[in-house]
Amino acid sequence: MDQANYKIPLKSFDTIYMRGQESKVRYWFYGIMIILVLGLFLPWTQNIKAPGSLTSLYQEQRPQDINSPIPGRIARWFVKEGDFVQKGDTIVQISEIKEDYLDPKLVNRTQQQVQAKKDAIEYYKGKAATATSQIQALQASQKLKIQQLKNKLGQLESKLASEQADLEAANNEFNLAKDQYERQEKMQQEGLVSKTQLQQRNTAFRNAMAKRVTAENKVAQTKQEILITQIEQNGVEQEYAEKISKTEGERLQSLSNIASGEGEMAKLENQVTNYTIRNGMYIITAPQDGQIVQASKAGIGEILKDGERITVIVPTRTQYAVEMYVRPVDLPLISVGQKVRFLFDGFPAIIFSGWPENSYGTFGGKVVAFEHTISPNGLFRVLVAEDASDRPWPQQLKLGTGAQGIALLKDVPVWYELWRNINGFPPDYYVLKEPKAKEQKK
């Protein structure tokens, strides 16, 4: 048998080298390319990634310092670090160190000063009332005295009128006697009357003259009495004016002492209130429910300054939020109500940033506020609260837990997102649409 013409059938050659079969590589290549091209038109959610940490939405729910309201010395601790306290529980007791407040009966002694000042004010009030009564009595006495002098002046004026009438009659009588005497004297010179008759007329004339002088003296004396009475009236008015002014000065001095005493009493009452409130500051209590941590003072007898931190309380009831920091270039893309996905430290997750619906282990949130001023780290701070319509955040979260935020933006095709990243363009600016429910209500 000719070995050269003898062929042994071997299947391995046909199987390995695929003899007589058409290659399918190009079909796989075409299929994969078609899938990739179709994938370029799939929707992709643009997003902003920003680190953050867990905080509280409200200031009063964040960790707060418990400070000493007054300087003092630690007398006793009622808690230790890690203890949970309720609002009003005693944390620490301090004692006084300032010499102005060391007297244990300081409040009582100050109250006694207040009472003494009240008594002094009552005394001055009584003195002022007495001065008022004295002024009224002096005014009444002055009025009566002046009225008496006015009556006396009236009487003297009546007397003066009568005396002036007598003076007028005396003048008439004097003139008549003078005229008769002069005629008698002329007639006697002519020898018509005797010398005896002339002497009689002379006597009558002289009597009339004396009577007239007496009347004039009376009138002058009465005028003098009137002048003296007027001077006396002025003196009485001046005297009573001085007395009334002096008494009025004493009354005003009493009123001034009353006003000054009331001011000092108010100051003492203020001190009593301050001392009473200060006595209540020796016991420092918990402002709210929480856990005591980070005690800055240890032991008994350490001195505390005014406003110095003693310890820190972490509230137990906290409505968590995430504070994350975004770049200035991304800030215009952040708006209130915008949805954010979070990855919390310690909680595993599978992330597809472009397809948030297909991610696993993330938690939802909504932007509630963002600051309009840049932070010291050169970024803008954004507060994000829990989204009530999404799965609740884990109860194991604590303040300060790290979080990675993914702010969801506009839906675009995959090819557009690739083109944007290749060219280094920022995400598209967009306006957050309101829910359809709200649109229907409108």
Protein backbone atom coordinates (compact mmCIF):
# COMPACT_ATOMS: atom_id res chain seq x y z
CA MET A 1 0.00 0.00 0.00
CA ASP A 2 1.26 3.42 -0.94
CA GLN A 3 1.66 5.42 2.23
CA ALA A 4 1.72 8.75 0.34
CA ASN A 5 -1.80 8.20 -0.94
CA TYR A 6 -3.10 7.03 2.40
CA LYS A 7 -4.93 9.66 4.56
CA ILE A 8 -5.92 9.16 8.15
CA PRO A 9 -9.13 11.16 9.14
CA LEU A 10 -8.31 13.49 12.15
CA LYS A 11 -11.16 15.57 13.65
CA SER A 12 -8.85 17.76 15.68
CA PHE A 13 -7.64 19.60 12.58
CA ASP A 14 -11.16 20.46 11.55
CA THR A 15 -12.18 21.52 15.06
CA ILE A 16 -9.14 23.67 15.81
CA TYR A 17 -8.64 25.35 12.46
CA MET A 18 -12.36 25.51 11.61
CA ARG A 19 -11.75 24.25 8.12
CA GLY A 20 -14.64 24.77 5.80
CA GLN A 21 -16.52 27.10 8.35
CA GLU A 22 -17.29 30.83 8.09
CA SER A 23 -15.84 33.13 10.86
CA LYS A 24 -18.39 34.91 13.17
CA VAL A 25 -16.04 37.54 14.62
CA ARG A 26 -17.30 40.27 12.41
CA TYR A 27 -20.89 39.60 13.51
CA TRP A 28 -19.83 39.97 17.14
CA PHE A 29 -17.96 43.13 16.28
CA TYR A 30 -20.94 44.60 14.47
CA GLY A 31 -23.28 43.65 17.33
CA ILE A 32 -21.05 45.20 19.99
CA MET A 33 -20.66 48.38 17.96
CA ILE A 34 -24.43 48.63 17.48
CA ILE A 35 -24.95 48.20 21.22
CA LEU A 36 -22.35 50.87 21.97
CA VAL A 37 -23.91 53.27 19.49
CA LEU A 38 -27.35 52.67 20.95
CA GLY A 39 -25.88 53.12 24.44
CA LEU A 40 -24.72 56.59 23.46
CA PHE A 41 -28.36 57.64 23.21
CA LEU A 42 -29.32 56.33 26.64
CA PRO A 43 -30.31 59.03 29.22
CA TRP A 44 -27.61 60.13 31.66
CA THR A 45 -28.25 62.22 34.78
CA GLN A 46 -25.72 64.99 35.20
CA ASN A 47 -24.56 65.46 38.77
CA ILE A 48 -22.26 67.32 41.11
CA LYS A 49 -20.21 65.38 43.64
CA ALA A 50 -19.32 67.08 46.89
CA PRO A 51 -18.03 65.82 50.26
CA GLY A 52 -19.87 66.64 53.47
CA SER A 53 -20.58 65.61 57.02
CA LEU A 54 -23.62 65.04 59.17
CA THR A 55 -24.94 67.95 61.22
CA SER A 56 -28.29 69.15 62.54
CA LEU A 57 -30.84 71.19 60.67
CA TYR A 58 -31.53 73.35 63.74
CA GLN A 59 -28.92 75.19 65.79
CA GLU A 60 -30.32 74.09 69.15
CA GLN A 61 -29.92 70.43 68.13
CA ARG A 62 -26.19 70.71 67.53
CA PRO A 63 -23.54 70.01 70.19
CA GLN A 64 -23.31 72.98 72.49
CA ASP A 65 -20.92 74.13 75.16
CA ILE A 66 -22.03 74.31 78.76
CA ASN A 67 -20.29 77.36 80.16
CA SER A 68 -19.93 78.79 83.63
CA PRO A 69 -22.19 81.87 83.89
CA ILE A 70 -20.07 83.33 86.72
CA PRO A 71 -16.51 82.86 87.96
CA GLY A 72 -16.27 80.24 90.67
CA ARG A 73 -14.70 77.08 92.02
CA ILE A 74 -15.95 73.56 91.19
CA ALA A 75 -17.49 72.15 94.35
CA ARG A 76 -19.07 68.92 93.08
CA TRP A 77 -19.66 66.93 89.89
CA PHE A 78 -23.01 65.17 89.45
CA VAL A 79 -22.25 63.46 86.09
CA LYS A 80 -19.34 61.92 84.25
CA GLU A 81 -18.44 61.85 80.59
CA GLY A 82 -20.75 59.64 78.55
CA ASP A 83 -23.74 60.01 80.89
CA PHE A 84 -27.11 60.81 79.38
CA VAL A 85 -29.00 63.58 81.12
CA GLN A 86 -32.42 65.14 80.83
CA LYS A 87 -33.27 68.78 80.71
CA GLY A 88 -32.87 70.34 84.15
CA ASP A 89 -30.58 67.64 85.58
CA THR A 90 -27.74 69.00 87.71
CA ILE A 91 -24.34 68.74 86.02
CA VAL A 92 -21.96 70.56 88.37
CA GLN A 93 -22.09 72.74 91.46
CA ILE A 94 -19.73 75.71 91.86
CA SER A 95 -18.93 77.92 94.84
CA GLU A 96 -18.19 81.64 95.09
CA ILE A 97 -14.67 83.06 94.88
CA LYS A 98 -15.25 86.83 94.61
CA GLU A 99 -15.02 88.68 97.91
CA ASP A 100 -18.01 90.88 97.05
CA TYR A 101 -20.33 87.87 97.25
CA LEU A 102 -18.82 85.74 100.00
CA ASP A 103 -21.29 86.86 102.70
CA PRO A 104 -23.88 84.05 103.07
CA LYS A 105 -26.46 86.60 104.28
CA LEU A 106 -25.75 89.07 101.50
CA VAL A 107 -29.31 89.02 100.16
CA ASN A 108 -30.88 89.50 103.62
CA ARG A 109 -28.56 92.36 104.49
CA THR A 110 -29.27 94.08 101.21
CA GLN A 111 -33.01 93.64 101.81
CA GLN A 112 -32.56 95.33 105.19
CA GLN A 113 -30.89 98.24 103.42
CA VAL A 114 -33.85 98.41 101.08
CA GLN A 115 -36.27 98.50 104.03
CA ALA A 116 -34.22 101.23 105.76
CA LYS A 117 -34.27 103.28 102.60
CA LYS A 118 -38.04 102.80 102.34
CA ASP A 119 -38.45 104.07 105.92
CA ALA A 120 -36.29 107.11 105.12
CA ILE A 121 -38.42 107.82 102.08
CA GLU A 122 -41.59 107.63 104.18
CA TYR A 123 -40.01 110.06 106.66
CA TYR A 124 -39.21 112.55 103.93
CA LYS A 125 -42.71 112.16 102.52
CA GLY A 126 -44.13 113.03 105.93
CA LYS A 127 -41.77 115.99 106.19
CA ALA A 128 -42.82 117.21 102.75
CA ALA A 129 -46.50 116.88 103.71
CA THR A 130 -45.85 118.85 106.91
CA ALA A 131 -44.08 121.56 104.93
CA THR A 132 -47.07 121.73 102.60
CA SER A 133 -49.39 122.17 105.58
CA GLN A 134 -47.10 124.88 106.98
CA ILE A 135 -47.16 126.71 103.68
CA GLN A 136 -50.95 126.57 103.61
CA ALA A 137 -51.11 127.87 107.21
CA LEU A 138 -48.67 130.68 106.44
CA GLN A 139 -50.61 131.65 103.37
CA ALA A 140 -53.83 131.74 105.42
CA SER A 141 -52.17 133.77 108.18
CA GLN A 142 -50.69 136.14 105.62
CA LYS A 143 -54.07 136.63 104.04
CA LEU A 144 -55.68 137.33 107.43
CA LYS A 145 -52.95 139.75 108.50
CA ILE A 146 -53.08 141.65 105.24
CA GLN A 147 -56.85 141.78 105.48
CA GLN A 148 -56.56 143.27 108.97
CA LEU A 149 -54.16 145.90 107.73
CA LYS A 150 -56.43 146.66 104.80
CA ASN A 151 -59.31 147.14 107.24
CA LYS A 152 -57.14 149.46 109.34
CA LEU A 153 -56.21 151.40 106.21
CA GLY A 154 -59.88 151.71 105.38
CA GLN A 155 -60.60 153.06 108.85
CA LEU A 156 -57.71 155.50 108.63
CA GLU A 157 -58.84 156.67 105.22
CA SER A 158 -62.33 157.26 106.62
CA LYS A 159 -60.82 159.11 109.56
CA LEU A 160 -58.68 161.14 107.17
CA ALA A 161 -61.73 162.10 105.13
CA SER A 162 -63.52 163.22 108.30
CA GLU A 163 -60.53 165.19 109.51
CA GLN A 164 -60.08 166.74 106.09
CA ALA A 165 -63.75 167.84 106.30
CA ASP A 166 -63.06 169.32 109.75
CA LEU A 167 -60.00 171.03 108.30
CA GLU A 168 -62.12 172.48 105.53
CA ALA A 169 -64.64 173.78 108.07
CA ALA A 170 -61.79 175.19 110.17
CA ASN A 171 -60.39 176.92 107.11
CA ASN A 172 -63.78 178.44 106.34
CA GLU A 173 -64.20 179.54 109.92
CA PHE A 174 -60.66 180.93 109.91
CA ASN A 175 -61.25 182.83 106.71
CA LEU A 176 -64.51 184.23 108.07
CA ALA A 177 -62.90 185.25 111.37
CA LYS A 178 -60.01 186.82 109.52
CA ASP A 179 -62.30 188.77 107.28
CA GLN A 180 -64.37 189.99 110.23
CA TYR A 181 -61.27 190.90 112.16
CA GLU A 182 -59.86 192.92 109.27
CA ARG A 183 -63.18 194.81 108.84
CA GLN A 184 -63.40 195.45 112.57
CA GLU A 185 -59.82 196.68 112.57
CA LYS A 186 -60.59 199.09 109.72
CA MET A 187 -63.77 200.24 111.35
CA GLN A 188 -61.97 200.80 114.65
CA GLN A 189 -59.41 202.94 112.85
CA GLU A 190 -62.31 205.00 111.51
CA GLY A 191 -63.79 205.19 115.00
CA LEU A 192 -66.92 203.29 114.19
CA VAL A 193 -66.39 200.49 116.72
CA SER A 194 -64.77 200.33 120.10
CA LYS A 195 -61.44 198.77 120.89
CA THR A 196 -63.21 196.17 122.97
CA GLN A 197 -65.14 194.94 119.97
CA LEU A 198 -61.88 194.74 117.98
CA GLN A 199 -60.30 192.64 120.69
CA GLN A 200 -63.27 190.28 120.63
CA ARG A 201 -62.88 189.88 116.88
CA ASN A 202 -59.17 189.28 117.34
CA THR A 203 -59.84 186.58 119.89
CA ALA A 204 -62.33 184.89 117.57
CA PHE A 205 -59.80 185.14 114.74
CA ARG A 206 -57.06 183.54 116.81
CA ASN A 207 -59.37 180.77 118.02
CA ALA A 208 -60.27 179.98 114.41
CA MET A 209 -56.59 179.95 113.54
CA ALA A 210 -55.79 177.55 116.41
CA LYS A 211 -58.70 175.35 115.40
CA ARG A 212 -57.43 175.26 111.83
CA VAL A 213 -53.90 174.30 113.00
CA THR A 214 -55.33 171.52 115.16
CA ALA A 215 -57.31 170.19 112.19
CA GLU A 216 -54.22 170.31 109.98
CA ASN A 217 -52.20 168.43 112.60
CA LYS A 218 -54.89 165.77 112.82
CA VAL A 219 -54.90 165.35 109.04
CA ALA A 220 -51.11 165.12 108.95
CA GLN A 221 -51.09 162.59 111.78
CA THR A 222 -53.71 160.45 110.07
CA LYS A 223 -51.75 160.52 106.80
CA GLN A 224 -48.69 159.43 108.76
CA GLU A 225 -50.62 156.53 110.27
CA ILE A 226 -51.80 155.52 106.81
CA LEU A 227 -48.21 155.54 105.54
CA ILE A 228 -47.04 153.52 108.54
CA THR A 229 -49.85 151.00 107.98
CA GLN A 230 -48.92 150.64 104.30
CA ILE A 231 -45.28 150.07 105.27
CA GLU A 232 -46.42 147.52 107.84
CA GLN A 233 -48.48 145.78 105.16
CA ASN A 234 -45.46 145.58 102.89
CA GLY A 235 -43.39 144.27 105.80
CA VAL A 236 -45.99 141.60 106.53
CA GLU A 237 -46.03 140.53 102.87
CA GLN A 238 -42.22 140.40 102.84
CA GLU A 239 -42.06 138.50 106.12
CA TYR A 240 -44.60 135.88 105.10
CA ALA A 241 -43.02 135.58 101.66
CA GLU A 242 -39.70 134.75 103.32
CA LYS A 243 -41.35 132.24 105.66
CA ILE A 244 -43.26 130.61 102.81
CA SER A 245 -40.13 130.52 100.62
CA LYS A 246 -38.14 128.92 103.41
CA THR A 247 -40.81 126.32 104.05
CA GLU A 248 -41.15 125.71 100.31
CA GLY A 249 -37.38 125.18 100.13
CA GLU A 250 -37.62 122.60 102.94
CA ARG A 251 -40.47 120.88 101.10
CA LEU A 252 -38.51 120.78 97.84
CA GLN A 253 -35.46 119.48 99.74
CA SER A 254 -37.63 116.69 101.14
CA LEU A 255 -38.94 115.90 97.66
CA SER A 256 -35.35 115.85 96.39
CA ASN A 257 -34.40 113.43 99.17
CA ILE A 258 -37.44 111.30 98.27
CA ALA A 259 -36.40 111.14 94.61
CA SER A 260 -32.80 110.40 95.54
CA GLY A 261 -33.93 107.76 98.05
CA GLU A 262 -36.21 106.10 95.48
CA GLY A 263 -33.28 105.94 93.05
CA GLU A 264 -31.03 104.38 95.70
CA MET A 265 -33.82 101.99 96.72
CA ALA A 266 -34.29 100.92 93.09
CA LYS A 267 -30.54 100.32 92.87
CA LEU A 268 -30.61 98.25 96.08
CA GLU A 269 -33.62 96.27 94.84
CA ASN A 270 -31.71 95.64 91.61
CA GLN A 271 -28.80 94.36 93.68
CA VAL A 272 -31.13 92.08 95.66
CA THR A 273 -32.48 90.65 92.40
CA ASN A 274 -28.98 90.22 90.98
CA TYR A 275 -27.77 88.52 94.16
CA THR A 276 -30.79 86.21 94.17
CA ILE A 277 -30.25 85.27 90.52
CA ARG A 278 -26.54 84.80 91.13
CA ASN A 279 -27.29 82.39 93.98
CA GLY A 280 -29.21 80.29 91.45
CA MET A 281 -26.21 80.18 89.12
CA TYR A 282 -24.15 78.05 91.51
CA ILE A 283 -26.03 74.99 90.23
CA ILE A 284 -25.44 74.40 86.51
CA THR A 285 -28.11 72.24 84.87
CA ALA A 286 -28.57 70.59 81.48
CA PRO A 287 -30.27 72.90 78.95
CA GLN A 288 -31.79 69.93 77.09
CA ASP A 289 -31.74 66.15 76.84
CA GLY A 290 -28.40 64.81 75.68
CA GLN A 291 -25.07 63.13 76.40
CA ILE A 292 -22.25 64.75 78.37
CA VAL A 293 -18.90 64.68 76.53
CA GLN A 294 -15.57 66.53 76.43
CA ALA A 295 -15.39 67.76 80.01
CA SER A 296 -12.71 70.46 80.03
CA LYS A 297 -12.38 70.57 83.84
CA ALA A 298 -11.51 67.65 86.06
CA GLY A 299 -11.59 67.25 89.80
CA ILE A 300 -12.77 69.41 92.66
CA GLY A 301 -11.57 72.92 93.39
CA GLU A 302 -10.58 74.01 89.89
CA ILE A 303 -11.22 77.67 89.19
CA LEU A 304 -13.63 78.68 86.44
CA LYS A 305 -13.61 81.99 84.64
CA ASP A 306 -16.68 83.88 83.59
CA GLY A 307 -18.07 82.16 80.45
CA GLU A 308 -15.45 79.38 80.46
CA ARG A 309 -16.50 76.05 78.95
CA ILE A 310 -17.10 73.24 81.43
CA THR A 311 -18.29 70.44 79.17
CA VAL A 312 -20.25 69.73 75.98
CA ILE A 313 -23.74 68.26 75.63
CA VAL A 314 -24.81 66.39 72.51
CA PRO A 315 -28.63 66.46 72.08
CA THR A 316 -30.36 63.10 71.83
CA ARG A 317 -33.22 64.40 69.70
CA THR A 318 -31.74 65.56 66.44
CA GLN A 319 -33.15 66.19 63.00
CA TYR A 320 -30.13 65.38 60.89
CA ALA A 321 -28.93 67.22 57.84
CA VAL A 322 -25.80 67.09 55.73
CA GLU A 323 -23.59 70.09 55.22
CA MET A 324 -21.66 69.67 52.00
CA TYR A 325 -19.33 72.06 50.23
CA VAL A 326 -19.53 72.75 46.50
CA ARG A 327 -17.15 74.59 44.21
CA PRO A 328 -17.97 78.19 43.25
CA VAL A 329 -18.35 77.09 39.62
CA ASP A 330 -21.08 74.60 40.68
CA LEU A 331 -22.98 76.95 43.01
CA PRO A 332 -25.30 78.37 40.28
CA LEU A 333 -26.48 74.79 39.67
CA ILE A 334 -27.70 74.41 43.27
CA SER A 335 -31.27 75.40 44.13
CA VAL A 336 -33.57 74.92 47.11
CA GLY A 337 -35.60 71.70 46.79
CA GLN A 338 -33.03 70.01 44.55
CA LYS A 339 -32.63 66.27 45.11
CA VAL A 340 -29.32 64.85 46.36
CA ARG A 341 -28.16 61.25 46.83
CA PHE A 342 -25.82 60.40 49.71
CA LEU A 343 -23.30 57.71 50.57
CA PHE A 344 -22.74 57.61 54.33
CA ASP A 345 -19.52 56.32 55.86
CA GLY A 346 -19.93 52.78 57.14
CA PHE A 347 -22.88 51.94 54.89
CA PRO A 348 -21.91 50.02 51.70
CA ALA A 349 -23.41 51.09 48.41
CA ILE A 350 -23.25 50.33 44.68
CA ILE A 351 -23.18 53.59 42.76
CA PHE A 352 -24.10 54.41 39.18
CA SER A 353 -23.76 58.17 39.22
CA GLY A 354 -25.51 58.62 35.87
CA TRP A 355 -28.37 56.23 36.74
CA PRO A 356 -29.38 57.03 40.33
CA GLU A 357 -32.47 54.83 40.05
CA ASN A 358 -30.24 51.80 39.55
CA SER A 359 -27.89 52.61 42.45
CA TYR A 360 -28.09 50.65 45.68
CA GLY A 361 -27.36 51.78 49.25
CA THR A 362 -27.78 55.52 48.67
CA PHE A 363 -30.13 57.79 50.61
CA GLY A 364 -32.13 60.75 49.36
CA GLY A 365 -32.13 64.35 50.49
CA LYS A 366 -33.35 67.78 49.45
CA VAL A 367 -31.47 71.08 49.49
CA VAL A 368 -32.99 73.38 52.13
CA ALA A 369 -30.48 76.24 52.09
CA PHE A 370 -27.13 77.37 50.78
CA GLU A 371 -24.90 80.18 51.97
CA HIS A 372 -24.28 83.25 49.85
CA THR A 373 -20.80 83.78 51.26
CA ILE A 374 -17.77 81.63 50.69
CA SER A 375 -16.38 79.50 53.51
CA PRO A 376 -12.76 79.62 54.73
CA ASN A 377 -12.03 76.49 52.70
CA GLY A 378 -12.88 78.33 49.47
CA LEU A 379 -16.15 76.42 48.91
CA PHE A 380 -19.82 77.25 49.43
CA ARG A 381 -21.74 75.49 52.22
CA VAL A 382 -25.02 73.74 51.32
CA LEU A 383 -27.49 72.25 53.83
CA VAL A 384 -29.41 69.16 52.72
CA ALA A 385 -32.23 67.66 54.80
CA GLU A 386 -33.70 64.16 54.64
CA ASP A 387 -36.12 63.54 51.79
CA ALA A 388 -39.39 62.42 53.40
CA SER A 389 -40.52 60.76 50.16
CA ASP A 390 -37.42 58.54 50.02
CA ARG A 391 -36.11 55.76 52.26
CA PRO A 392 -35.35 57.00 55.79
CA TRP A 393 -31.77 57.66 56.83
CA PRO A 394 -30.15 55.04 59.10
CA GLN A 395 -30.75 55.44 62.82
CA GLN A 396 -27.11 54.61 63.50
CA LEU A 397 -25.95 57.92 62.05
CA LYS A 398 -24.16 60.27 64.42
CA LEU A 399 -23.17 63.90 64.21
CA GLY A 400 -19.98 64.31 62.22
CA THR A 401 -20.43 61.15 60.12
CA GLY A 402 -18.86 61.61 56.68
CA ALA A 403 -21.08 61.73 53.59
CA GLN A 404 -20.51 61.90 49.87
CA GLY A 405 -23.22 63.94 48.14
CA ILE A 406 -24.33 63.57 44.53
CA ALA A 407 -26.55 66.47 43.48
CA LEU A 408 -28.76 65.36 40.59
CA LEU A 409 -29.05 67.72 37.65
CA LYS A 410 -30.37 67.52 34.11
CA ASP A 411 -30.98 64.31 32.10
CA VAL A 412 -28.90 64.29 28.91
CA PRO A 413 -27.81 61.57 26.39
CA VAL A 414 -24.64 59.63 27.16
CA TRP A 415 -22.91 60.93 24.02
CA TYR A 416 -23.53 64.54 25.16
CA GLU A 417 -22.09 63.85 28.59
CA LEU A 418 -19.00 62.25 27.03
CA TRP A 419 -18.57 65.20 24.70
CA ARG A 420 -18.99 67.65 27.65
CA ASN A 421 -16.36 65.92 29.78
CA ILE A 422 -13.91 65.65 26.86
CA ASN A 423 -14.18 69.40 26.29
CA GLY A 424 -14.11 70.22 30.03
CA PHE A 425 -17.49 72.01 29.98
CA PRO A 426 -19.48 72.35 33.25
CA PRO A 427 -22.89 70.67 33.65
CA ASP A 428 -25.84 72.38 32.00
CA TYR A 429 -27.66 75.09 33.95
CA TYR A 430 -31.30 74.25 34.46
CA VAL A 431 -34.39 75.38 36.39
CA LEU A 432 -35.89 72.95 38.89
CA LYS A 433 -39.42 72.02 37.81
CA GLU A 434 -42.22 71.98 40.38
CA PRO A 435 -44.07 68.72 41.01
CA LYS A 436 -47.09 68.03 38.82
CA ALA A 437 -49.36 67.98 41.86
CA LYS A 438 -48.59 71.62 42.55
CA GLU A 439 -49.18 72.51 38.89
CA GLN A 440 -52.61 70.83 39.01
CA LYS A 441 -53.53 72.76 42.20
CA LYS A 442 -52.65 76.01 40.46
